[in-house]
C-alpha atoms as a PDB file:
ATOM      1  CA  MET A   1      -2.916  40.401  17.637  1.00  0.00           C
ATOM      2  CA  ASP A   2      -0.094  40.163  19.325  1.00  0.00           C
ATOM      3  CA  LEU A   3       2.291  37.428  17.577  1.00  0.00           C
ATOM      4  CA  ASP A   4       4.064  38.420  14.343  1.00  0.00           C
ATOM      5  CA  PRO A   5       4.771  35.449  12.777  1.00  0.00           C
ATOM      6  CA  SER A   6       7.827  37.380  10.377  1.00  0.00           C
ATOM      7  CA  GLU A   7       9.294  37.559  14.288  1.00  0.00           C
ATOM      8  CA  HIS A   8       9.462  33.503  14.165  1.00  0.00           C
ATOM      9  CA  THR A   9      10.996  30.274  12.485  1.00  0.00           C
ATOM     10  CA  ILE A  10       8.254  28.033  11.250  1.00  0.00           C
ATOM     11  CA  ASP A  11       8.602  25.832  14.209  1.00  0.00           C
ATOM     12  CA  GLU A  12       8.416  28.778  17.167  1.00  0.00           C
ATOM     13  CA  LEU A  13       5.736  29.412  14.950  1.00  0.00           C
ATOM     14  CA  ARG A  14       3.701  26.181  15.350  1.00  0.00           C
ATOM     15  CA  ASP A  15       4.491  26.268  18.856  1.00  0.00           C
ATOM     16  CA  GLU A  16       2.971  29.739  19.370  1.00  0.00           C
ATOM     17  CA  LEU A  17      -0.143  28.724  17.554  1.00  0.00           C
ATOM     18  CA  ASP A  18      -0.938  25.060  19.543  1.00  0.00           C
ATOM     19  CA  GLY A  19      -2.111  27.569  22.131  1.00  0.00           C
ATOM     20  CA  MET A  20      -4.945  30.183  19.980  1.00  0.00           C
ATOM     21  CA  ASP A  21      -7.587  28.840  19.639  1.00  0.00           C
ATOM     22  CA  ASP A  22      -9.755  32.118  17.762  1.00  0.00           C
ATOM     23  CA  PRO A  23     -10.377  31.458  14.306  1.00  0.00           C
ATOM     24  CA  GLU A  24     -10.650  35.207  14.268  1.00  0.00           C
ATOM     25  CA  ALA A  25      -7.490  35.876  15.177  1.00  0.00           C
ATOM     26  CA  LEU A  26      -5.827  32.779  13.302  1.00  0.00           C
ATOM     27  CA  GLU A  27      -7.577  34.578   9.700  1.00  0.00           C
ATOM     28  CA  ALA A  28      -5.711  37.887  10.579  1.00  0.00           C
ATOM     29  CA  LEU A  29      -2.376  36.184  11.507  1.00  0.00           C
ATOM     30  CA  ARG A  30      -2.538  34.241   8.439  1.00  0.00           C
ATOM     31  CA  GLU A  31      -2.522  37.745   6.214  1.00  0.00           C
ATOM     32  CA  ALA A  32      -0.278  39.180   7.794  1.00  0.00           C
ATOM     33  CA  GLU A  33       2.240  36.169   6.710  1.00  0.00           C
ATOM     34  CA  ALA A  34       0.831  36.630   3.729  1.00  0.00           C
ATOM     35  CA  ASP A  35       1.574  40.200   3.624  1.00  0.00           C
ATOM     36  CA  GLY A  36       4.867  40.066   5.136  1.00  0.00           C
ATOM     37  CA  GLU A  37       7.402  36.900   4.757  1.00  0.00           C
ATOM     38  CA  ASN A  38       4.880  34.996   3.032  1.00  0.00           C
ATOM     39  CA  ARG A  39       6.174  31.247   3.636  1.00  0.00           C
ATOM     40  CA  GLU A  40       4.296  28.690   2.454  1.00  0.00           C
ATOM     41  CA  GLY A  41       5.223  26.825   5.482  1.00  0.00           C
ATOM     42  CA  ALA A  42       4.104  29.339   7.521  1.00  0.00           C
ATOM     43  CA  LYS A  43       0.570  29.860   5.991  1.00  0.00           C
ATOM     44  CA  GLU A  44       0.042  25.762   6.528  1.00  0.00           C
ATOM     45  CA  ALA A  45       0.952  25.968  10.120  1.00  0.00           C
ATOM     46  CA  ILE A  46      -1.612  27.897  10.249  1.00  0.00           C
ATOM     47  CA  ASP A  47      -4.284  26.652   8.073  1.00  0.00           C
ATOM     48  CA  GLU A  48      -3.812  23.546   9.960  1.00  0.00           C
ATOM     49  CA  ARG A  49      -4.655  25.320  13.161  1.00  0.00           C
ATOM     50  CA  LEU A  50      -7.491  26.789  12.009  1.00  0.00           C
ATOM     51  CA  GLU A  51      -8.569  23.802  11.031  1.00  0.00           C
ATOM     52  CA  SER A  52      -8.361  22.136  14.211  1.00  0.00           C
ATOM     53  CA  VAL A  53     -10.045  24.684  16.032  1.00  0.00           C
ATOM     54  CA  SER A  54     -12.830  25.230  13.163  1.00  0.00           C
ATOM     55  CA  ASP A  55     -13.861  21.304  13.434  1.00  0.00           C
ATOM     56  CA  ASP A  56     -13.022  21.581  17.552  1.00  0.00           C
ATOM     57  CA  GLY A  57     -15.956  23.997  17.076  1.00  0.00           C
ATOM     58  CA  ASP A  58     -18.229  21.497  15.045  1.00  0.00           C
ATOM     59  CA  GLU A  59     -18.268  18.482  17.556  1.00  0.00           C
ATOM     60  CA  GLY A  60     -21.081  19.669  18.680  1.00  0.00           C
ATOM     61  CA  ASP A  61     -23.278  20.414  16.183  1.00  0.00           C
ATOM     62  CA  GLY A  62     -24.181  16.891  15.355  1.00  0.00           C
ATOM     63  CA  ASN A  63     -22.090  16.122  12.368  1.00  0.00           C
ATOM     64  CA  GLU A  64     -19.730  12.762  13.662  1.00  0.00           C
ATOM     65  CA  SER A  65     -17.923  12.520  10.392  1.00  0.00           C
ATOM     66  CA  SER A  66     -14.034  13.428  10.670  1.00  0.00           C
ATOM     67  CA  GLU A  67     -12.936  11.727   6.794  1.00  0.00           C
ATOM     68  CA  SER A  68     -12.170  14.067   4.747  1.00  0.00           C
ATOM     69  CA  GLY A  69     -12.928  14.503   1.139  1.00  0.00           C
ATOM     70  CA  ASP A  70      -9.592  11.768   0.517  1.00  0.00           C
ATOM     71  CA  GLY A  71     -10.769   9.396   3.307  1.00  0.00           C
ATOM     72  CA  GLU A  72      -7.974  10.724   5.674  1.00  0.00           C
ATOM     73  CA  SER A  73      -9.182  11.368   8.891  1.00  0.00           C
ATOM     74  CA  SER A  74      -9.443  15.293   9.255  1.00  0.00           C
ATOM     75  CA  GLU A  75      -7.184  15.155  12.379  1.00  0.00           C
ATOM     76  CA  THR A  76      -4.321  13.665  11.374  1.00  0.00           C
ATOM     77  CA  GLU A  77      -3.994  15.132   8.066  1.00  0.00           C
ATOM     78  CA  GLY A  78      -1.213  16.987   7.478  1.00  0.00           C
ATOM     79  CA  ARG A  79      -0.137  17.394  10.811  1.00  0.00           C
ATOM     80  CA  GLU A  80       3.777  16.841  11.986  1.00  0.00           C
ATOM     81  CA  ASP A  81       3.323  15.795  15.190  1.00  0.00           C
ATOM     82  CA  ALA A  82       0.503  13.197  14.877  1.00  0.00           C
ATOM     83  CA  PRO A  83       2.292   9.918  16.017  1.00  0.00           C
ATOM     84  CA  GLU A  84       3.178   7.126  14.447  1.00  0.00           C
ATOM     85  CA  SER A  85       0.794   4.047  14.878  1.00  0.00           C
ATOM     86  CA  ASP A  86       2.209   2.212  17.048  1.00  0.00           C
ATOM     87  CA  GLY A  87       3.266   4.865  19.732  1.00  0.00           C
ATOM     88  CA  THR A  88       7.018   5.273  19.164  1.00  0.00           C
ATOM     89  CA  GLY A  89       7.036   8.695  18.319  1.00  0.00           C
ATOM     90  CA  VAL A  90       6.628  10.578  14.631  1.00  0.00           C
ATOM     91  CA  GLY A  91       6.658   9.046  11.559  1.00  0.00           C
ATOM     92  CA  ILE A  92       8.219   9.036   7.539  1.00  0.00           C
ATOM     93  CA  ILE A  93       4.995  10.761   6.854  1.00  0.00           C
ATOM     94  CA  GLU A  94       5.333  13.365   9.182  1.00  0.00           C
ATOM     95  CA  ILE A  95       9.165  14.297   8.952  1.00  0.00           C
ATOM     96  CA  ARG A  96       8.679  14.282   5.641  1.00  0.00           C
ATOM     97  CA  ASN A  97       6.256  16.934   5.322  1.00  0.00           C
ATOM     98  CA  HIS A  98       8.593  18.441   8.115  1.00  0.00           C
ATOM     99  CA  VAL A  99      11.078  18.428   6.381  1.00  0.00           C
ATOM    100  CA  ARG A 100       8.994  19.774   3.567  1.00  0.00           C
ATOM    101  CA  ASN A 101       7.922  22.767   5.239  1.00  0.00           C
ATOM    102  CA  ALA A 102      11.403  23.750   7.111  1.00  0.00           C
ATOM    103  CA  ALA A 103      14.454  22.957   4.981  1.00  0.00           C
ATOM    104  CA  SER A 104      14.154  25.992   2.721  1.00  0.00           C
ATOM    105  CA  ASP A 105      13.690  28.247   5.465  1.00  0.00           C
ATOM    106  CA  LEU A 106      16.361  26.814   7.766  1.00  0.00           C
ATOM    107  CA  ILE A 107      18.856  26.951   4.607  1.00  0.00           C
ATOM    108  CA  GLY A 108      17.640  30.184   3.385  1.00  0.00           C
ATOM    109  CA  ARG A 109      17.109  28.280  -0.408  1.00  0.00           C
ATOM    110  CA  PRO A 110      14.476  26.833  -1.957  1.00  0.00           C
ATOM    111  CA  LEU A 111      13.748  23.038  -1.261  1.00  0.00           C
ATOM    112  CA  ASP A 112      14.097  20.903  -4.661  1.00  0.00           C
ATOM    113  CA  GLY A 113      13.372  17.647  -3.516  1.00  0.00           C
ATOM    114  CA  ILE A 114      14.208  14.722  -1.053  1.00  0.00           C
ATOM    115  CA  VAL A 115      15.751  12.239  -2.203  1.00  0.00           C
ATOM    116  CA  GLU A 116      15.932  10.013   0.947  1.00  0.00           C
ATOM    117  CA  ILE A 117      14.452   9.838   4.698  1.00  0.00           C
ATOM    118  CA  GLU A 118      16.083   7.082   6.815  1.00  0.00           C
ATOM    119  CA  ARG A 119      15.447   6.073  10.214  1.00  0.00           C
ATOM    120  CA  ASP A 120      18.676   5.501  12.684  1.00  0.00           C
ATOM    121  CA  ASP A 121      19.757   4.351  16.141  1.00  0.00           C
ATOM    122  CA  GLU A 122      19.856   8.445  17.067  1.00  0.00           C
ATOM    123  CA  GLY A 123      16.605   9.629  15.123  1.00  0.00           C
ATOM    124  CA  TRP A 124      16.286   9.914  11.327  1.00  0.00           C
ATOM    125  CA  ARG A 125      18.092  11.708   8.394  1.00  0.00           C
ATOM    126  CA  ALA A 126      16.913  13.189   5.004  1.00  0.00           C
ATOM    127  CA  LEU A 127      18.353  14.166   1.910  1.00  0.00           C
ATOM    128  CA  THR A 128      17.451  16.777   0.371  1.00  0.00           C
ATOM    129  CA  GLU A 129      18.153  18.632  -2.532  1.00  0.00           C
ATOM    130  CA  ILE A 130      18.835  22.435  -2.757  1.00  0.00           C
ATOM    131  CA  VAL A 131      18.464  25.234  -5.381  1.00  0.00           C
ATOM    132  CA  GLU A 132      21.454  27.658  -4.546  1.00  0.00           C
ATOM    133  CA  ARG A 133      21.666  28.823  -7.741  1.00  0.00           C
ATOM    134  CA  SER A 134      18.823  29.488 -10.463  1.00  0.00           C
ATOM    135  CA  SER A 135      20.036  29.432 -14.256  1.00  0.00           C
ATOM    136  CA  VAL A 136      18.595  29.145 -17.541  1.00  0.00           C
ATOM    137  CA  PRO A 137      17.840  26.807 -19.109  1.00  0.00           C
ATOM    138  CA  ASP A 138      17.426  25.191 -15.325  1.00  0.00           C
ATOM    139  CA  THR A 139      19.525  22.509 -16.376  1.00  0.00           C
ATOM    140  CA  GLN A 140      22.322  24.551 -15.578  1.00  0.00           C
ATOM    141  CA  ASP A 141      21.065  25.000 -11.762  1.00  0.00           C
ATOM    142  CA  ILE A 142      23.303  24.352  -9.096  1.00  0.00           C
ATOM    143  CA  ILE A 143      22.005  22.180  -6.825  1.00  0.00           C
ATOM    144  CA  GLY A 144      23.035  21.535  -3.221  1.00  0.00           C
ATOM    145  CA  ARG A 145      22.364  18.112  -1.611  1.00  0.00           C
ATOM    146  CA  TYR A 146      21.967  18.314   2.396  1.00  0.00           C
ATOM    147  CA  ALA A 147      22.037  15.567   5.063  1.00  0.00           C
ATOM    148  CA  LEU A 148      19.417  17.108   8.247  1.00  0.00           C
ATOM    149  CA  ASP A 149      19.770  15.393  10.916  1.00  0.00           C
ATOM    150  CA  ILE A 150      16.032  14.754  13.003  1.00  0.00           C
ATOM    151  CA  ASP A 151      15.097  13.424  16.701  1.00  0.00           C
ATOM    152  CA  ASP A 152      12.843  11.261  17.699  1.00  0.00           C
ATOM    153  CA  ASP A 153      10.124  13.790  18.162  1.00  0.00           C
ATOM    154  CA  GLY A 154      10.518  15.375  14.588  1.00  0.00           C
ATOM    155  CA  ARG A 155      12.849  18.526  15.460  1.00  0.00           C
ATOM    156  CA  ILE A 156      15.696  19.443  13.283  1.00  0.00           C
ATOM    157  CA  THR A 157      19.037  18.950  15.583  1.00  0.00           C
ATOM    158  CA  GLY A 158      21.280  19.910  12.410  1.00  0.00           C
ATOM    159  CA  TYR A 159      22.243  19.805   8.927  1.00  0.00           C
ATOM    160  CA  ARG A 160      25.062  19.932   6.364  1.00  0.00           C
ATOM    161  CA  ARG A 161      25.875  20.072   2.899  1.00  0.00           C
ATOM    162  CA  LEU A 162      27.150  17.497   1.590  1.00  0.00           C
ATOM    163  CA  ASP A 163      27.839  17.975  -2.451  1.00  0.00           C
ATOM    164  CA  ARG A 164      27.207  20.895  -4.842  1.00  0.00           C
ATOM    165  CA  TYR A 165      26.825  19.952  -8.201  1.00  0.00           C
ATOM    166  CA  ARG A 166      24.902  21.048 -11.751  1.00  0.00           C
ATOM    167  CA  ARG A 167      20.919  19.778 -12.187  1.00  0.00           C
ATOM    168  CA  GLY A 168      22.228  17.852 -15.755  1.00  0.00           C
ATOM    169  CA  ASP A 169      25.050  16.571 -14.381  1.00  0.00           C
ATOM    170  CA  THR A 170      24.277  12.873 -14.912  1.00  0.00           C
ATOM    171  CA  ARG A 171      26.963  11.192 -11.752  1.00  0.00           C
ATOM    172  CA  ARG A 172      23.945  12.031  -9.900  1.00  0.00           C
ATOM    173  CA  ASP A 173      22.534   8.877 -10.934  1.00  0.00           C
ATOM    174  CA  GLU A 174      25.555   7.063  -8.963  1.00  0.00           C
ATOM    175  CA  GLU A 175      24.635   6.331  -4.807  1.00  0.00           C
ATOM    176  CA  PRO A 176      26.180   9.152  -3.146  1.00  0.00           C
ATOM    177  CA  GLN A 177      28.907   8.456   0.104  1.00  0.00           C
ATOM    178  CA  VAL A 178      26.785   9.838   3.082  1.00  0.00           C
ATOM    179  CA  PRO A 179      29.565  10.680   5.945  1.00  0.00           C
ATOM    180  CA  ARG A 180      27.562  10.652   9.226  1.00  0.00           C
END
């Protein structure tokens, strides 16, 4: 195996996986990730590619069904690069999935949640909450609210911390003012 997943960010790994068609090599890569850094986003990216390669190999066996058990097409299920149906670029679901997979790796702390995603003139903006310090009880966790800027192709182009607060702080119920 020439590819070491620990040497790549999840986005870089996704790019490298696009050229891989060998299910055995992908399985070995997933095992290396699980034994190494064990990043959920990286394992999901490898699983998605493995599923894509497996689906391509099933086309000639007479099994024409491309529906997964939940009624969604397996071709677009979970892919961050699936375009919106109107062809204008990635959609909100793809942006959400990408932010979910990349935010904790980018910022270096666990993702607590995605608060908001909106489209603007320059692309997309996502507000996330990241656990900056875990505490017991968890109401004393320190949470950082981050804005991530995402271009029309779904690539994160920047991020910044907007605020820090304790999880139990009730002032969080107010709408924050987000500088742009």
